[in-house]
Amino acid sequence: MTRIGVISDTHMEADTAAFPKTILDDFKNVDMIIHAGDLGSLKVLELLKSACKNVYAVRGNMDPHTVAGKLPEKEIIKVGRYKIGVTHGIGAPARLLDLVKEKFKDDPVDVVVFGHSHQPFNEKIGGILFFNPGSPVDKMFAPYNSYGIIEVNDEIQASIMRI
């Protein structure tokens, strides 16, 4: 089994002291971490790599050039026999899912991880699992703070983890 920690919308600049310790502790027990954008700073990647060396990340719409210039807009990660697409997302929350679907319309993926809305989402649509871990730090737009865990074995199981 492969256990994947999933996070998005950390929006942390140079100071990562507010990063929830609960997440770092849990991410010490994963095989891989996916960050779906809006890191805020490359220091967030360093922090995640302190828990697990295998980290993938995409840029978000709010990432400064120092971050966005080093990360792709879209990533496809192979895990066993499955493919996981990762993007941040853009635009109004009401259209976010449609825009994310459009981004991967020509890619045979099993899971799409995205962020942007700060709203946790975990739903299978048309045979593809769409997964937004929410935000671990937002207090304005998120219904609660959260991150995600995806477990890949014979099947894919995804969970939103409330902090």
Protein backbone atom coordinates (compact mmCIF):
# COMPACT_ATOMS: atom_id res chain seq x y z
CA MET A 1 0.00 0.00 0.00
CA THR A 2 1.12 3.55 -0.76
CA ARG A 3 0.00 6.25 1.68
CA ILE A 4 -0.04 9.82 0.34
CA GLY A 5 -0.33 13.01 2.38
CA VAL A 6 -2.24 15.72 0.52
CA ILE A 7 -2.24 19.41 1.33
CA SER A 8 -3.05 22.68 -0.40
CA ASP A 9 -3.43 26.39 0.23
CA THR A 10 -0.92 26.81 3.03
CA HIS A 11 -0.30 30.46 2.03
CA MET A 12 2.77 30.70 4.27
CA GLU A 13 5.53 33.15 3.56
CA ALA A 14 8.98 32.84 5.16
CA ASP A 15 7.62 31.99 8.62
CA THR A 16 6.27 28.44 8.76
CA ALA A 17 5.87 28.38 12.55
CA ALA A 18 2.07 28.29 12.21
CA PHE A 19 2.18 25.07 10.16
CA PRO A 20 0.08 22.53 12.10
CA LYS A 21 2.33 20.03 13.90
CA THR A 22 -0.43 17.41 13.63
CA ILE A 23 0.04 17.33 9.87
CA LEU A 24 3.82 17.04 10.03
CA ASP A 25 3.49 14.18 12.52
CA ASP A 26 1.02 12.37 10.25
CA PHE A 27 3.15 13.04 7.15
CA LYS A 28 6.09 11.23 8.79
CA ASN A 29 4.04 8.08 8.11
CA VAL A 30 3.40 8.62 4.39
CA ASP A 31 5.27 7.46 1.29
CA MET A 32 4.68 10.69 -0.60
CA ILE A 33 3.29 14.20 -0.11
CA ILE A 34 1.34 16.17 -2.71
CA HIS A 35 0.90 19.95 -2.33
CA ALA A 36 -1.78 21.31 -4.67
CA GLY A 37 -0.50 24.90 -4.80
CA ASP A 38 -0.54 28.25 -3.04
CA LEU A 39 2.40 27.27 -0.88
CA GLY A 40 3.35 30.89 -0.27
CA SER A 41 7.05 30.11 0.08
CA LEU A 42 9.53 27.41 -0.88
CA LYS A 43 10.12 27.03 2.87
CA VAL A 44 6.85 25.07 2.92
CA LEU A 45 8.45 22.48 0.61
CA GLU A 46 11.49 22.29 2.90
CA LEU A 47 9.20 21.75 5.88
CA LEU A 48 7.27 18.99 4.10
CA LYS A 49 10.52 17.32 3.02
CA SER A 50 11.55 17.19 6.68
CA ALA A 51 8.61 14.78 7.19
CA CYS A 52 8.87 12.86 3.88
CA LYS A 53 11.55 13.22 1.20
CA ASN A 54 9.16 12.37 -1.66
CA VAL A 55 7.24 15.63 -2.26
CA TYR A 56 5.39 16.77 -5.38
CA ALA A 57 3.95 20.27 -5.72
CA VAL A 58 2.29 22.49 -8.30
CA ARG A 59 2.07 26.26 -8.33
CA GLY A 60 -1.04 28.11 -7.28
CA ASN A 61 -2.52 31.39 -8.47
CA MET A 62 -1.33 33.24 -5.34
CA ASP A 63 2.22 31.87 -5.29
CA PRO A 64 4.88 34.56 -5.76
CA HIS A 65 7.19 34.31 -8.77
CA THR A 66 9.95 32.82 -6.58
CA VAL A 67 7.67 29.81 -6.01
CA ALA A 68 5.64 29.71 -9.24
CA GLY A 69 8.77 29.85 -11.38
CA LYS A 70 10.04 26.60 -9.86
CA LEU A 71 6.84 24.53 -9.96
CA PRO A 72 4.66 23.18 -12.79
CA GLU A 73 1.05 24.20 -13.27
CA LYS A 74 0.03 20.56 -13.69
CA GLU A 75 1.59 17.25 -12.72
CA ILE A 76 0.69 13.61 -13.34
CA ILE A 77 2.10 11.13 -10.84
CA LYS A 78 2.06 7.37 -11.35
CA VAL A 79 1.37 5.36 -8.20
CA GLY A 80 1.21 1.64 -8.86
CA ARG A 81 -1.26 1.13 -11.68
CA TYR A 82 -2.97 4.46 -11.03
CA LYS A 83 -2.34 7.99 -12.29
CA ILE A 84 -2.92 11.02 -10.09
CA GLY A 85 -3.33 14.40 -11.75
CA VAL A 86 -2.48 17.47 -9.68
CA THR A 87 -3.33 21.12 -10.37
CA HIS A 88 -4.27 24.07 -8.22
CA GLY A 89 -7.32 25.47 -9.99
CA ILE A 90 -8.41 28.99 -10.88
CA GLY A 91 -11.49 31.15 -11.03
CA ALA A 92 -14.71 31.35 -9.11
CA PRO A 93 -15.48 28.45 -6.75
CA ALA A 94 -18.77 27.73 -8.56
CA ARG A 95 -16.83 26.85 -11.75
CA LEU A 96 -13.74 25.32 -10.15
CA LEU A 97 -14.66 21.67 -10.66
CA ASP A 98 -15.49 22.24 -14.35
CA LEU A 99 -12.16 24.03 -14.89
CA VAL A 100 -10.24 21.25 -13.13
CA LYS A 101 -12.02 18.60 -15.23
CA GLU A 102 -11.13 20.55 -18.38
CA LYS A 103 -7.46 20.66 -17.38
CA PHE A 104 -7.29 16.81 -17.42
CA LYS A 105 -9.80 16.04 -20.19
CA ASP A 106 -7.09 14.57 -22.44
CA ASP A 107 -5.23 12.73 -19.66
CA PRO A 108 -6.25 9.24 -18.52
CA VAL A 109 -6.11 9.89 -14.75
CA ASP A 110 -7.79 8.03 -11.90
CA VAL A 111 -7.59 10.84 -9.35
CA VAL A 112 -7.43 14.62 -9.66
CA VAL A 113 -6.04 16.51 -6.68
CA PHE A 114 -6.75 20.24 -6.63
CA GLY A 115 -7.01 23.19 -4.27
CA HIS A 116 -7.88 26.89 -4.66
CA SER A 117 -11.32 26.98 -3.01
CA HIS A 118 -10.13 26.00 0.50
CA GLN A 119 -13.21 23.74 0.53
CA PRO A 120 -12.64 20.03 1.21
CA PHE A 121 -14.03 17.85 -1.59
CA ASN A 122 -13.88 14.07 -1.97
CA GLU A 123 -16.15 12.71 -4.69
CA LYS A 124 -15.98 10.25 -7.58
CA ILE A 125 -17.41 11.68 -10.81
CA GLY A 126 -17.43 9.73 -14.06
CA GLY A 127 -15.02 7.15 -12.66
CA ILE A 128 -12.46 9.78 -11.54
CA LEU A 129 -11.91 10.72 -7.91
CA PHE A 130 -11.80 14.51 -7.44
CA PHE A 131 -10.06 15.41 -4.20
CA ASN A 132 -9.47 18.80 -2.59
CA PRO A 133 -7.89 18.53 0.88
CA GLY A 134 -9.11 22.00 1.93
CA SER A 135 -6.77 24.38 3.72
CA PRO A 136 -4.88 23.61 6.94
CA VAL A 137 -4.66 27.27 7.99
CA ASP A 138 -7.46 29.36 6.44
CA LYS A 139 -9.94 30.79 8.93
CA MET A 140 -12.07 32.84 6.50
CA PHE A 141 -13.16 30.65 3.57
CA ALA A 142 -12.66 27.09 4.83
CA PRO A 143 -15.50 25.46 6.77
CA TYR A 144 -12.79 23.88 8.95
CA ASN A 145 -9.04 23.32 8.66
CA SER A 146 -8.05 20.08 6.97
CA TYR A 147 -5.63 18.05 4.89
CA GLY A 148 -5.99 14.71 3.14
CA ILE A 149 -4.74 11.16 3.05
CA ILE A 150 -4.98 8.98 -0.06
CA GLU A 151 -4.25 5.27 0.25
CA VAL A 152 -3.44 3.37 -2.94
CA ASN A 153 -3.64 -0.40 -2.94
CA ASP A 154 -5.89 -2.51 -5.16
CA GLU A 155 -8.27 0.43 -4.85
CA ILE A 156 -7.92 4.11 -4.00
CA GLN A 157 -9.30 5.34 -0.69
CA ALA A 158 -9.24 9.05 0.14
CA SER A 159 -10.04 10.79 3.42
CA ILE A 160 -10.36 14.39 4.51
CA MET A 161 -8.64 14.82 7.87
CA ARG A 162 -10.05 17.54 10.10
CA ILE A 163 -7.53 19.34 12.27
